[in-house]
Amino acid sequence: SSGPTAQHFSSSPLSTHQEEAMSIYKIPGGEIQVGTLPSGDLTVKGFGCDAAIVLARSIAGQHFGRWEPRHQNWIVPARNSISLKRDLAAKTSQVS
């Protein structure tokens, strides 16, 4: 039979941490990067200054995020992606 096999549709294991897209939200002195995993869950990480790291932790926590020690970022369930991005956009300036 032709056509894709089931393995073409299996999502990559989280350990590979492949992201489909990255959005960057800027604050003075830093930024928060939000990526989308194949599962639809979001990765959230602050860079550049303590305020960005604190904001990333706060926003991710409000949206039921869990800390991922291996990748040093937050994983937020896909069901909360729209509200997380909305709340993050309200506190930052989105550049991509």
Protein backbone atom coordinates (compact mmCIF):
# COMPACT_ATOMS: atom_id res chain seq x y z
CA SER A 1 0.00 0.00 0.00
CA SER A 2 1.18 3.51 -0.71
CA GLY A 3 0.89 6.57 1.50
CA PRO A 4 2.39 7.58 4.79
CA THR A 5 2.74 5.07 7.58
CA ALA A 6 1.65 5.64 11.15
CA GLN A 7 5.15 6.59 12.22
CA HIS A 8 5.02 9.70 10.04
CA PHE A 9 2.23 10.99 12.27
CA SER A 10 3.74 10.25 15.69
CA SER A 11 4.86 13.38 17.46
CA SER A 12 8.51 13.70 18.31
CA PRO A 13 9.49 12.87 21.87
CA LEU A 14 9.69 15.92 24.10
CA SER A 15 13.39 15.27 24.67
CA THR A 16 14.20 16.36 21.11
CA HIS A 17 12.46 19.65 21.91
CA GLN A 18 11.74 20.53 18.29
CA GLU A 19 9.86 23.78 17.95
CA GLU A 20 7.74 24.71 14.97
CA ALA A 21 7.69 28.46 15.51
CA MET A 22 9.15 31.04 17.87
CA SER A 23 7.51 34.24 19.03
CA ILE A 24 9.55 36.89 20.80
CA TYR A 25 8.04 39.33 23.31
CA LYS A 26 10.26 42.26 24.31
CA ILE A 27 10.53 44.11 27.60
CA PRO A 28 13.19 46.69 28.48
CA GLY A 29 16.48 44.82 28.85
CA GLY A 30 15.16 41.40 27.92
CA GLU A 31 12.75 39.20 26.05
CA ILE A 32 10.51 36.19 26.45
CA GLN A 33 10.64 33.52 23.79
CA VAL A 34 7.57 31.39 23.20
CA GLY A 35 7.86 28.30 21.02
CA THR A 36 5.34 25.70 19.92
CA LEU A 37 6.11 22.00 20.31
CA PRO A 38 4.69 19.42 17.86
CA SER A 39 2.11 18.53 20.55
CA GLY A 40 0.82 22.13 20.51
CA ASP A 41 2.19 22.79 23.98
CA LEU A 42 4.18 26.02 24.37
CA THR A 43 7.71 26.55 25.60
CA VAL A 44 8.28 29.78 27.54
CA LYS A 45 11.66 31.18 28.56
CA GLY A 46 12.90 34.58 29.68
CA PHE A 47 16.26 36.00 28.55
CA GLY A 48 18.41 39.04 29.14
CA CYS A 49 17.36 40.33 32.54
CA ASP A 50 15.82 39.17 35.78
CA ALA A 51 12.54 40.93 34.97
CA ALA A 52 12.13 38.81 31.81
CA ILE A 53 12.83 35.61 33.72
CA VAL A 54 10.40 36.57 36.49
CA LEU A 55 7.70 37.54 33.97
CA ALA A 56 8.14 34.27 32.06
CA ARG A 57 7.79 32.30 35.31
CA SER A 58 4.77 34.32 36.42
CA ILE A 59 2.90 34.09 33.11
CA ALA A 60 3.69 30.39 32.64
CA GLY A 61 2.57 29.65 36.20
CA GLN A 62 -0.72 31.46 35.71
CA HIS A 63 -1.40 29.22 32.71
CA PHE A 64 -0.58 25.90 34.40
CA GLY A 65 2.96 25.72 33.09
CA ARG A 66 5.49 23.27 34.49
CA TRP A 67 9.24 23.78 34.73
CA GLU A 68 11.32 21.58 32.40
CA PRO A 69 14.79 21.30 34.01
CA ARG A 70 16.45 19.62 31.02
CA HIS A 71 15.72 22.58 28.73
CA GLN A 72 15.52 25.24 31.44
CA ASN A 73 12.14 26.51 30.30
CA TRP A 74 8.44 26.30 31.05
CA ILE A 75 6.00 24.02 29.23
CA VAL A 76 2.44 25.38 29.04
CA PRO A 77 -0.41 23.10 27.89
CA ALA A 78 -1.74 23.74 24.39
CA ARG A 79 -5.23 24.45 25.79
CA ASN A 80 -3.81 27.59 27.45
CA SER A 81 -1.82 28.87 24.47
CA ILE A 82 -4.24 31.60 23.35
CA SER A 83 -4.73 33.06 26.83
CA LEU A 84 -0.98 32.90 27.58
CA LYS A 85 -0.09 34.76 24.38
CA ARG A 86 -2.82 37.33 25.02
CA ASP A 87 -1.63 37.99 28.56
CA LEU A 88 2.02 38.11 27.49
CA ALA A 89 1.24 40.54 24.67
CA ALA A 90 -0.51 42.83 27.16
CA LYS A 91 2.68 43.09 29.26
CA THR A 92 5.27 43.26 26.45
CA SER A 93 5.82 44.37 22.87
CA GLN A 94 5.73 41.45 20.45
CA VAL A 95 8.36 41.58 17.71
CA SER A 96 7.73 38.29 15.91
